[in-house]
C-alpha atoms as a PDB file:
ATOM      1  CA  MET A   1      35.463 -33.446 -10.642  1.00  0.00           C
ATOM      2  CA  LYS A   2      36.626 -31.670 -13.753  1.00  0.00           C
ATOM      3  CA  ILE A   3      36.707 -27.897 -14.155  1.00  0.00           C
ATOM      4  CA  TYR A   4      35.097 -26.934 -17.455  1.00  0.00           C
ATOM      5  CA  ASN A   5      35.383 -23.157 -17.131  1.00  0.00           C
ATOM      6  CA  LEU A   6      38.551 -22.094 -15.333  1.00  0.00           C
ATOM      7  CA  LYS A   7      37.712 -18.375 -15.400  1.00  0.00           C
ATOM      8  CA  LYS A   8      34.362 -18.867 -13.641  1.00  0.00           C
ATOM      9  CA  PHE A   9      35.979 -21.295 -11.204  1.00  0.00           C
ATOM     10  CA  ALA A  10      38.593 -18.692 -10.219  1.00  0.00           C
ATOM     11  CA  GLN A  11      35.913 -16.013  -9.858  1.00  0.00           C
ATOM     12  CA  GLY A  12      33.840 -18.322  -7.672  1.00  0.00           C
ATOM     13  CA  LEU A  13      36.784 -19.133  -5.424  1.00  0.00           C
ATOM     14  CA  PHE A  14      37.603 -15.445  -5.127  1.00  0.00           C
ATOM     15  CA  MET A  15      34.027 -14.564  -4.145  1.00  0.00           C
ATOM     16  CA  LEU A  16      33.859 -17.380  -1.631  1.00  0.00           C
ATOM     17  CA  ALA A  17      37.179 -16.255  -0.133  1.00  0.00           C
ATOM     18  CA  LEU A  18      35.925 -12.665   0.101  1.00  0.00           C
ATOM     19  CA  GLY A  19      32.729 -13.805   1.794  1.00  0.00           C
ATOM     20  CA  LEU A  20      34.568 -15.975   4.310  1.00  0.00           C
ATOM     21  CA  LEU A  21      37.164 -13.286   5.060  1.00  0.00           C
ATOM     22  CA  ASN A  22      34.413 -10.731   5.522  1.00  0.00           C
ATOM     23  CA  LEU A  23      32.632 -13.095   7.881  1.00  0.00           C
ATOM     24  CA  LEU A  24      35.789 -13.769   9.916  1.00  0.00           C
ATOM     25  CA  PHE A  25      36.764 -10.117  10.265  1.00  0.00           C
ATOM     26  CA  ASN A  26      33.260  -8.922  11.067  1.00  0.00           C
ATOM     27  CA  LEU A  27      32.676 -11.576  13.726  1.00  0.00           C
ATOM     28  CA  GLN A  28      35.169  -9.736  15.924  1.00  0.00           C
ATOM     29  CA  THR A  29      33.471  -6.358  15.564  1.00  0.00           C
ATOM     30  CA  GLY A  30      29.888  -7.554  15.268  1.00  0.00           C
ATOM     31  CA  LEU A  31      27.622  -8.065  12.302  1.00  0.00           C
ATOM     32  CA  ASN A  32      24.824  -5.782  11.183  1.00  0.00           C
ATOM     33  CA  TRP A  33      22.187  -6.353   8.505  1.00  0.00           C
ATOM     34  CA  GLN A  34      24.388  -4.906   5.749  1.00  0.00           C
ATOM     35  CA  ASP A  35      27.132  -7.421   6.548  1.00  0.00           C
ATOM     36  CA  TYR A  36      24.647 -10.282   6.408  1.00  0.00           C
ATOM     37  CA  ILE A  37      23.471  -9.171   2.964  1.00  0.00           C
ATOM     38  CA  LEU A  38      27.015  -8.737   1.622  1.00  0.00           C
ATOM     39  CA  ILE A  39      28.306 -12.026   3.016  1.00  0.00           C
ATOM     40  CA  GLY A  40      25.233 -13.903   1.837  1.00  0.00           C
ATOM     41  CA  ALA A  41      25.481 -12.426  -1.663  1.00  0.00           C
ATOM     42  CA  LEU A  42      29.201 -13.208  -1.918  1.00  0.00           C
ATOM     43  CA  LEU A  43      28.769 -16.775  -0.733  1.00  0.00           C
ATOM     44  CA  PHE A  44      25.727 -17.372  -2.956  1.00  0.00           C
ATOM     45  CA  MET A  45      27.318 -15.948  -6.104  1.00  0.00           C
ATOM     46  CA  GLY A  46      30.642 -17.672  -5.412  1.00  0.00           C
ATOM     47  CA  GLY A  47      28.945 -21.032  -4.912  1.00  0.00           C
ATOM     48  CA  ARG A  48      26.841 -20.526  -8.028  1.00  0.00           C
ATOM     49  CA  LEU A  49      29.914 -19.733 -10.121  1.00  0.00           C
ATOM     50  CA  LEU A  50      31.718 -22.782  -8.750  1.00  0.00           C
ATOM     51  CA  LEU A  51      28.804 -25.061  -9.584  1.00  0.00           C
ATOM     52  CA  HIS A  52      28.490 -23.588 -13.069  1.00  0.00           C
ATOM     53  CA  SER A  53      32.203 -24.071 -13.720  1.00  0.00           C
ATOM     54  CA  LEU A  54      32.002 -27.731 -12.723  1.00  0.00           C
ATOM     55  CA  SER A  55      28.966 -28.541 -14.897  1.00  0.00           C
ATOM     56  CA  ARG A  56      29.681 -29.542 -18.482  1.00  0.00           C
ATOM     57  CA  THR A  57      26.296 -28.572 -19.931  1.00  0.00           C
ATOM     58  CA  ILE A  58      26.045 -25.193 -18.210  1.00  0.00           C
ATOM     59  CA  SER A  59      29.631 -24.307 -19.146  1.00  0.00           C
ATOM     60  CA  ARG A  60      28.990 -25.228 -22.776  1.00  0.00           C
ATOM     61  CA  GLU A  61      25.794 -23.130 -22.888  1.00  0.00           C
ATOM     62  CA  GLU A  62      27.550 -20.120 -21.352  1.00  0.00           C
ATOM     63  CA  GLN A  63      30.420 -20.390 -23.833  1.00  0.00           C
ATOM     64  CA  LEU A  64      27.960 -20.539 -26.731  1.00  0.00           C
ATOM     65  CA  ASP A  65      26.160 -17.476 -25.363  1.00  0.00           C
ATOM     66  CA  GLU A  66      29.467 -15.593 -25.102  1.00  0.00           C
ATOM     67  CA  MET A  67      30.367 -16.470 -28.695  1.00  0.00           C
ATOM     68  CA  ASP A  68      26.942 -15.439 -30.054  1.00  0.00           C
ATOM     69  CA  GLU A  69      27.338 -12.464 -32.391  1.00  0.00           C
ATOM     70  CA  ARG A  70      24.270 -10.654 -31.119  1.00  0.00           C
ATOM     71  CA  ASN A  71      25.431 -10.884 -27.510  1.00  0.00           C
ATOM     72  CA  GLN A  72      28.871  -9.599 -28.500  1.00  0.00           C
ATOM     73  CA  LEU A  73      27.292  -6.644 -30.336  1.00  0.00           C
ATOM     74  CA  VAL A  74      25.090  -5.802 -27.350  1.00  0.00           C
ATOM     75  CA  LEU A  75      28.090  -5.990 -25.020  1.00  0.00           C
ATOM     76  CA  LEU A  76      30.153  -3.784 -27.336  1.00  0.00           C
ATOM     77  CA  LYS A  77      27.400  -1.168 -27.584  1.00  0.00           C
ATOM     78  CA  ASN A  78      26.877  -1.299 -23.819  1.00  0.00           C
ATOM     79  CA  LYS A  79      30.552  -0.676 -23.077  1.00  0.00           C
ATOM     80  CA  SER A  80      30.728   2.131 -25.621  1.00  0.00           C
ATOM     81  CA  ARG A  81      27.671   3.887 -24.177  1.00  0.00           C
ATOM     82  CA  ALA A  82      28.863   3.421 -20.591  1.00  0.00           C
ATOM     83  CA  PHE A  83      32.245   4.937 -21.488  1.00  0.00           C
ATOM     84  CA  SER A  84      30.580   7.931 -23.161  1.00  0.00           C
ATOM     85  CA  LEU A  85      28.277   8.484 -20.181  1.00  0.00           C
ATOM     86  CA  LEU A  86      31.248   8.282 -17.822  1.00  0.00           C
ATOM     87  CA  GLN A  87      33.132  10.893 -19.830  1.00  0.00           C
ATOM     88  CA  TYR A  88      30.189  13.304 -19.898  1.00  0.00           C
ATOM     89  CA  SER A  89      29.392  12.812 -16.215  1.00  0.00           C
ATOM     90  CA  CYS A  90      33.036  13.513 -15.287  1.00  0.00           C
ATOM     91  CA  LEU A  91      32.932  16.725 -17.296  1.00  0.00           C
ATOM     92  CA  ILE A  92      29.595  17.873 -15.851  1.00  0.00           C
ATOM     93  CA  LEU A  93      30.562  17.032 -12.263  1.00  0.00           C
ATOM     94  CA  ALA A  94      33.915  18.775 -12.707  1.00  0.00           C
ATOM     95  CA  ALA A  95      32.162  21.942 -13.865  1.00  0.00           C
ATOM     96  CA  ILE A  96      29.728  21.768 -10.940  1.00  0.00           C
ATOM     97  CA  PHE A  97      32.530  21.283  -8.399  1.00  0.00           C
ATOM     98  CA  ILE A  98      34.656  24.072  -9.828  1.00  0.00           C
ATOM     99  CA  VAL A  99      31.760  26.544  -9.883  1.00  0.00           C
ATOM    100  CA  ALA A 100      30.639  25.531  -6.380  1.00  0.00           C
ATOM    101  CA  GLY A 101      34.208  25.826  -5.107  1.00  0.00           C
ATOM    102  CA  LYS A 102      34.556  29.316  -6.560  1.00  0.00           C
ATOM    103  CA  LEU A 103      31.211  30.438  -5.114  1.00  0.00           C
ATOM    104  CA  GLU A 104      31.962  29.040  -1.656  1.00  0.00           C
ATOM    105  CA  GLU A 105      35.678  29.927  -1.869  1.00  0.00           C
ATOM    106  CA  GLN A 106      36.647  26.364  -0.902  1.00  0.00           C
ATOM    107  CA  THR A 107      39.800  25.093  -2.563  1.00  0.00           C
ATOM    108  CA  ASN A 108      39.034  21.494  -1.584  1.00  0.00           C
ATOM    109  CA  ILE A 109      35.931  21.489  -3.747  1.00  0.00           C
ATOM    110  CA  ILE A 110      37.886  23.034  -6.625  1.00  0.00           C
ATOM    111  CA  PHE A 111      40.477  20.269  -6.289  1.00  0.00           C
ATOM    112  CA  LEU A 112      37.703  17.690  -6.677  1.00  0.00           C
ATOM    113  CA  GLY A 113      36.719  19.352  -9.926  1.00  0.00           C
ATOM    114  CA  VAL A 114      40.336  19.422 -11.116  1.00  0.00           C
ATOM    115  CA  GLY A 115      40.656  15.714 -10.313  1.00  0.00           C
ATOM    116  CA  LEU A 116      37.567  14.966 -12.383  1.00  0.00           C
ATOM    117  CA  ILE A 117      38.980  17.049 -15.241  1.00  0.00           C
ATOM    118  CA  PHE A 118      42.138  14.935 -14.987  1.00  0.00           C
ATOM    119  CA  ALA A 119      40.025  11.745 -15.152  1.00  0.00           C
ATOM    120  CA  PHE A 120      38.207  13.169 -18.189  1.00  0.00           C
ATOM    121  CA  ALA A 121      41.537  13.945 -19.876  1.00  0.00           C
ATOM    122  CA  ILE A 122      42.797  10.404 -19.235  1.00  0.00           C
ATOM    123  CA  SER A 123      39.598   8.933 -20.687  1.00  0.00           C
ATOM    124  CA  MET A 124      39.887  11.109 -23.795  1.00  0.00           C
ATOM    125  CA  PHE A 125      43.552  10.156 -24.198  1.00  0.00           C
ATOM    126  CA  THR A 126      42.778   6.439 -23.921  1.00  0.00           C
ATOM    127  CA  ASP A 127      39.875   6.861 -26.349  1.00  0.00           C
ATOM    128  CA  ILE A 128      42.187   8.413 -28.924  1.00  0.00           C
ATOM    129  CA  LEU A 129      44.893   5.786 -28.411  1.00  0.00           C
ATOM    130  CA  THR A 130      42.482   2.864 -28.746  1.00  0.00           C
ATOM    131  CA  PHE A 131      40.962   4.430 -31.859  1.00  0.00           C
ATOM    132  CA  ILE A 132      44.412   4.738 -33.441  1.00  0.00           C
ATOM    133  CA  TYR A 133      45.287   1.186 -32.425  1.00  0.00           C
ATOM    134  CA  TYR A 134      42.170  -0.381 -33.910  1.00  0.00           C
ATOM    135  CA  GLU A 135      42.266   1.840 -36.996  1.00  0.00           C
ATOM    136  CA  ASN A 136      45.763   0.574 -37.807  1.00  0.00           C
ATOM    137  CA  ARG A 137      45.002  -3.020 -36.861  1.00  0.00           C
ATOM    138  CA  LEU A 138      41.837  -3.439 -38.882  1.00  0.00           C
END
């Protein structure tokens, strides 16, 4: 058997390993319905990725789909929008936690808000750095 897509093959092996490790560790403590769903999903997706990585035609179709300009544009817009939504949600949640912490006089809640402000600051800093990088590169 030849591996046509090494990245998908590695992802499939990783998912299968996670599913098997989850099964082994949860057999000792007992399985509930959530464990069955997680293990089944990991094993199914890992097996699917392995089969796709070993098939020449499926690997070729997936590579053509990845190289398609429309798919790349949709992925780029999706990532940009998700990053913007993450930034705004961090800012809104930080404000909510800080106000709630002040009203309830709980410093733990205020610290959650400060942590989210820190995450917002890191995201803004990385946004600026990537903008400068791509502005100079292109």
